C-alpha atoms as a PDB file:
ATOM      1  CA  MET A   1       0.125  -0.062  -0.193  1.00  0.00           C
ATOM      2  CA  SER A   2       1.081   3.538  -0.693  1.00  0.00           C
ATOM      3  CA  THR A   3      -0.917   5.517   1.706  1.00  0.00           C
ATOM      4  CA  ARG A   4       1.909   6.193   4.406  1.00  0.00           C
ATOM      5  CA  ASN A   5       3.664   9.409   4.327  1.00  0.00           C
ATOM      6  CA  LYS A   6       6.531   9.711   1.971  1.00  0.00           C
ATOM      7  CA  ASP A   7       8.545  11.554   4.841  1.00  0.00           C
ATOM      8  CA  ALA A   8       7.330   9.624   7.549  1.00  0.00           C
ATOM      9  CA  SER A   9      10.830   8.609   8.680  1.00  0.00           C
ATOM     10  CA  PRO A  10      11.726   9.172  12.278  1.00  0.00           C
ATOM     11  CA  GLU A  11      13.841  12.299  11.262  1.00  0.00           C
ATOM     12  CA  ALA A  12      10.894  13.876   9.634  1.00  0.00           C
ATOM     13  CA  LEU A  13       8.474  13.119  12.333  1.00  0.00           C
ATOM     14  CA  HIS A  14      11.016  14.492  14.439  1.00  0.00           C
ATOM     15  CA  ARG A  15      11.221  17.915  12.552  1.00  0.00           C
ATOM     16  CA  ALA A  16       7.338  18.125  12.391  1.00  0.00           C
ATOM     17  CA  MET A  17       6.618  17.367  16.348  1.00  0.00           C
ATOM     18  CA  GLU A  18       9.572  19.757  17.030  1.00  0.00           C
ATOM     19  CA  ARG A  19       7.890  22.448  14.882  1.00  0.00           C
ATOM     20  CA  GLN A  20       4.438  21.861  16.561  1.00  0.00           C
ATOM     21  CA  SER A  21       6.358  21.898  20.238  1.00  0.00           C
ATOM     22  CA  GLU A  22       8.011  25.170  19.241  1.00  0.00           C
ATOM     23  CA  GLY A  23      11.442  23.699  19.255  1.00  0.00           C
ATOM     24  CA  THR A  24      11.470  22.103  22.574  1.00  0.00           C
ATOM     25  CA  LEU A  25      11.078  18.645  21.614  1.00  0.00           C
ATOM     26  CA  ASP A  26      11.632  15.828  24.351  1.00  0.00           C
ATOM     27  CA  ALA A  27      10.090  12.344  24.674  1.00  0.00           C
ATOM     28  CA  GLY A  28       7.047  13.825  26.464  1.00  0.00           C
ATOM     29  CA  ALA A  29       6.279  16.296  23.786  1.00  0.00           C
ATOM     30  CA  VAL A  30       6.478  13.038  21.004  1.00  0.00           C
ATOM     31  CA  ALA A  31       4.169  11.309  23.444  1.00  0.00           C
ATOM     32  CA  LYS A  32       1.701  14.290  23.568  1.00  0.00           C
ATOM     33  CA  SER A  33       1.884  14.905  19.765  1.00  0.00           C
ATOM     34  CA  THR A  34       1.533  11.086  19.318  1.00  0.00           C
ATOM     35  CA  ILE A  35      -1.639  10.947  21.423  1.00  0.00           C
ATOM     36  CA  GLN A  36      -3.104  13.999  20.045  1.00  0.00           C
ATOM     37  CA  THR A  37      -2.825  12.624  16.528  1.00  0.00           C
ATOM     38  CA  LEU A  38      -4.323   9.288  17.513  1.00  0.00           C
ATOM     39  CA  ARG A  39      -7.197  10.833  19.341  1.00  0.00           C
ATOM     40  CA  GLN A  40      -7.932  12.773  16.106  1.00  0.00           C
ATOM     41  CA  VAL A  41      -7.758   9.551  14.150  1.00  0.00           C
ATOM     42  CA  ASN A  42      -9.960   8.127  16.787  1.00  0.00           C
ATOM     43  CA  VAL A  43     -12.725  11.022  16.318  1.00  0.00           C
ATOM     44  CA  THR A  44     -12.245  10.907  12.667  1.00  0.00           C
ATOM     45  CA  LEU A  45     -12.421   6.921  12.072  1.00  0.00           C
ATOM     46  CA  THR A  46     -15.173   5.786  14.766  1.00  0.00           C
ATOM     47  CA  PRO A  47     -18.237   7.072  12.549  1.00  0.00           C
ATOM     48  CA  VAL A  48     -16.841   5.039   9.667  1.00  0.00           C
ATOM     49  CA  ILE A  49     -15.339   1.756  11.140  1.00  0.00           C
ATOM     50  CA  GLY A  50     -16.912   1.834  14.856  1.00  0.00           C
ATOM     51  CA  GLU A  51     -15.307   2.111  18.196  1.00  0.00           C
ATOM     52  CA  VAL A  52     -14.638  -1.231  18.383  1.00  0.00           C
ATOM     53  CA  GLY A  53     -12.720  -1.217  15.062  1.00  0.00           C
ATOM     54  CA  VAL A  54     -10.585   1.724  15.801  1.00  0.00           C
ATOM     55  CA  ASN A  55      -9.598   0.104  19.042  1.00  0.00           C
ATOM     56  CA  VAL A  56      -8.552  -3.283  17.368  1.00  0.00           C
ATOM     57  CA  LEU A  57      -6.498  -1.239  14.687  1.00  0.00           C
ATOM     58  CA  PHE A  58      -4.756   0.705  17.637  1.00  0.00           C
ATOM     59  CA  LYS A  59      -4.054  -2.529  19.508  1.00  0.00           C
ATOM     60  CA  ARG A  60      -2.784  -4.559  16.485  1.00  0.00           C
ATOM     61  CA  SER A  61      -0.686  -1.738  15.365  1.00  0.00           C
ATOM     62  CA  LEU A  62       0.579  -1.278  18.582  1.00  0.00           C
ATOM     63  CA  HIS A  63       1.433  -5.148  18.899  1.00  0.00           C
ATOM     64  CA  LEU A  64       3.160  -5.107  15.588  1.00  0.00           C
ATOM     65  CA  THR A  65       5.288  -2.235  16.351  1.00  0.00           C
ATOM     66  CA  SER A  66       5.988  -3.725  19.924  1.00  0.00           C
ATOM     67  CA  ARG A  67       7.996  -6.217  17.972  1.00  0.00           C
ATOM     68  CA  THR A  68      10.717  -3.621  17.226  1.00  0.00           C
ATOM     69  CA  PHE A  69       9.895  -1.551  20.344  1.00  0.00           C
ATOM     70  CA  PRO A  70       9.123  -4.363  23.059  1.00  0.00           C
ATOM     71  CA  TRP A  71       8.808  -1.452  25.721  1.00  0.00           C
ATOM     72  CA  LEU A  72       5.712  -0.706  23.873  1.00  0.00           C
ATOM     73  CA  THR A  73       3.724  -3.760  24.865  1.00  0.00           C
ATOM     74  CA  ILE A  74       0.807  -3.132  26.980  1.00  0.00           C
ATOM     75  CA  ALA A  75      -0.284  -6.454  28.615  1.00  0.00           C
ATOM     76  CA  GLU A  76      -3.277  -4.945  30.263  1.00  0.00           C
ATOM     77  CA  ASN A  77      -6.872  -5.048  28.670  1.00  0.00           C
ATOM     78  CA  HIS A  78      -7.848  -1.617  28.218  1.00  0.00           C
ATOM     79  CA  GLY A  79     -11.653  -1.090  27.596  1.00  0.00           C
ATOM     80  CA  ASP A  80     -11.756   2.228  25.834  1.00  0.00           C
ATOM     81  CA  ALA A  81      -9.280   4.270  23.587  1.00  0.00           C
ATOM     82  CA  GLY A  82      -8.823   6.860  26.402  1.00  0.00           C
ATOM     83  CA  ASP A  83      -7.097   4.072  28.813  1.00  0.00           C
ATOM     84  CA  PHE A  84      -5.344   2.440  25.892  1.00  0.00           C
ATOM     85  CA  LEU A  85      -3.887   6.187  24.797  1.00  0.00           C
ATOM     86  CA  ALA A  86      -2.912   7.030  28.163  1.00  0.00           C
ATOM     87  CA  SER A  87      -0.766   3.846  28.695  1.00  0.00           C
ATOM     88  CA  LEU A  88       0.940   4.386  25.432  1.00  0.00           C
ATOM     89  CA  GLY A  89       1.588   7.984  26.099  1.00  0.00           C
ATOM     90  CA  ALA A  90       3.279   7.100  29.337  1.00  0.00           C
ATOM     91  CA  ARG A  91       5.429   4.666  27.565  1.00  0.00           C
ATOM     92  CA  LEU A  92       6.684   7.043  24.976  1.00  0.00           C
ATOM     93  CA  ALA A  93       7.243   9.739  27.461  1.00  0.00           C
ATOM     94  CA  GLY A  94       9.420   7.272  29.436  1.00  0.00           C
ATOM     95  CA  ARG A  95      11.857   6.712  26.471  1.00  0.00           C
ATOM     96  CA  ASP A  96      14.557   9.030  25.297  1.00  0.00           C
ATOM     97  CA  THR A  97      13.545  11.636  22.364  1.00  0.00           C
ATOM     98  CA  LYS A  98      14.987   9.735  19.508  1.00  0.00           C
ATOM     99  CA  GLU A  99      13.369   6.041  20.588  1.00  0.00           C
ATOM    100  CA  ALA A 100      10.244   7.789  21.217  1.00  0.00           C
ATOM    101  CA  VAL A 101      10.031   9.326  17.907  1.00  0.00           C
ATOM    102  CA  GLU A 102      11.196   6.170  15.832  1.00  0.00           C
ATOM    103  CA  ALA A 103       8.409   4.151  17.967  1.00  0.00           C
ATOM    104  CA  SER A 104       5.665   6.864  17.249  1.00  0.00           C
ATOM    105  CA  SER A 105       6.783   6.817  13.752  1.00  0.00           C
ATOM    106  CA  ALA A 106       6.546   2.943  13.155  1.00  0.00           C
ATOM    107  CA  LEU A 107       3.131   2.952  15.183  1.00  0.00           C
ATOM    108  CA  LEU A 108       1.701   5.839  13.020  1.00  0.00           C
ATOM    109  CA  ALA A 109       2.812   4.194   9.761  1.00  0.00           C
ATOM    110  CA  GLY A 110       1.712   0.678  10.836  1.00  0.00           C
ATOM    111  CA  PHE A 111      -1.597   1.837  11.791  1.00  0.00           C
ATOM    112  CA  THR A 112      -2.238   3.706   8.368  1.00  0.00           C
ATOM    113  CA  GLU A 113      -1.061   0.665   6.739  1.00  0.00           C
ATOM    114  CA  LEU A 114      -3.603  -1.500   8.492  1.00  0.00           C
ATOM    115  CA  LEU A 115      -6.247   0.727   7.816  1.00  0.00           C
ATOM    116  CA  ALA A 116      -5.253   1.034   4.134  1.00  0.00           C
ATOM    117  CA  THR A 117      -5.720  -3.006   4.013  1.00  0.00           C
ATOM    118  CA  LEU A 118      -9.052  -2.418   5.417  1.00  0.00           C
ATOM    119  CA  ILE A 119     -10.715   0.548   3.581  1.00  0.00           C
ATOM    120  CA  GLY A 120      -8.234   1.236   0.914  1.00  0.00           C
ATOM    121  CA  ASP A 121      -5.499   3.891   0.248  1.00  0.00           C
ATOM    122  CA  SER A 122      -8.072   6.793  -1.487  1.00  0.00           C
ATOM    123  CA  LEU A 123     -10.454   6.526   1.451  1.00  0.00           C
ATOM    124  CA  VAL A 124      -7.662   6.679   4.048  1.00  0.00           C
ATOM    125  CA  GLU A 125      -6.166   9.714   1.959  1.00  0.00           C
ATOM    126  CA  THR A 126      -9.508  11.298   2.364  1.00  0.00           C
ATOM    127  CA  LEU A 127     -10.301  10.714   5.779  1.00  0.00           C
ATOM    128  CA  LEU A 128      -6.667  11.132   7.438  1.00  0.00           C
ATOM    129  CA  GLY A 129      -5.102  13.435   4.832  1.00  0.00           C
ATOM    130  CA  SER A 130      -5.894  16.591   7.100  1.00  0.00           C
ATOM    131  CA  LEU A 131      -3.670  14.540   9.818  1.00  0.00           C
ATOM    132  CA  SER A 132      -1.049  14.207   7.668  1.00  0.00           C
ATOM    133  CA  ALA A 133      -1.136  18.012   6.627  1.00  0.00           C
ATOM    134  CA  SER A 134      -1.194  19.111  10.595  1.00  0.00           C
ATOM    135  CA  LEU A 135       2.355  17.268  10.921  1.00  0.00           C
ATOM    136  CA  GLU A 136       3.399  18.955   7.646  1.00  0.00           C
ATOM    137  CA  LEU A 137       4.304  15.782   5.819  1.00  0.00           C
ATOM    138  CA  PRO A 138       3.651  14.734   2.389  1.00  0.00           C
ATOM    139  CA  SER A 139       0.762  12.472   1.939  1.00  0.00           C
ATOM    140  CA  LYS A 140       2.195   9.661  -0.127  1.00  0.00           C
ATOM    141  CA  GLN A 141       4.647   7.158   1.121  1.00  0.00           C
ATOM    142  CA  ASP A 142       7.721   5.650  -0.958  1.00  0.00           C
ATOM    143  CA  SER A 143      10.524   5.348   1.492  1.00  0.00           C
ATOM    144  CA  ILE A 144       9.292   3.202   4.324  1.00  0.00           C
ATOM    145  CA  PRO A 145       9.265  -0.747   3.868  1.00  0.00           C
ATOM    146  CA  LYS A 146       5.779  -2.319   4.034  1.00  0.00           C
ATOM    147  CA  GLN A 147       5.206  -3.455   7.504  1.00  0.00           C
ATOM    148  CA  ASP A 148       4.186  -7.057   7.898  1.00  0.00           C
ATOM    149  CA  THR A 149       0.800  -7.461   9.048  1.00  0.00           C
ATOM    150  CA  THR A 150       0.260 -10.985   8.872  1.00  0.00           C
ATOM    151  CA  SER A 151       1.006 -12.355  12.770  1.00  0.00           C
END
């Protein structure tokens, strides 16, 4: 799929988050920006795929990302997106900035990839294109290898 951001590398995400945080980027700011983005995704997608669908995609993308970043593994069964996002935010905030940016980038890219397999690239672009713009990233992806979503 080609939906993910072309420049959604950790470096590009770092630059975008640094702009959002007015130059004072730390792991806490990365966590805040990531959670804010995921909350916007939740609001946007819930009418389309339902709250359960959004939560399943959040958890699946986190599971896949935790292969690379084992510290992201969340063992608890969070009932709603708010609890899930709070736990994720705490885990991101507790890492160094570079690691938090890399994990956030992988998580957001993986989420977008999973969503595209469900509803297609063009609908993802339509629904989430404004979120890409808020991070000031291009809307198409060529440079990030496709994440294995089979296990």
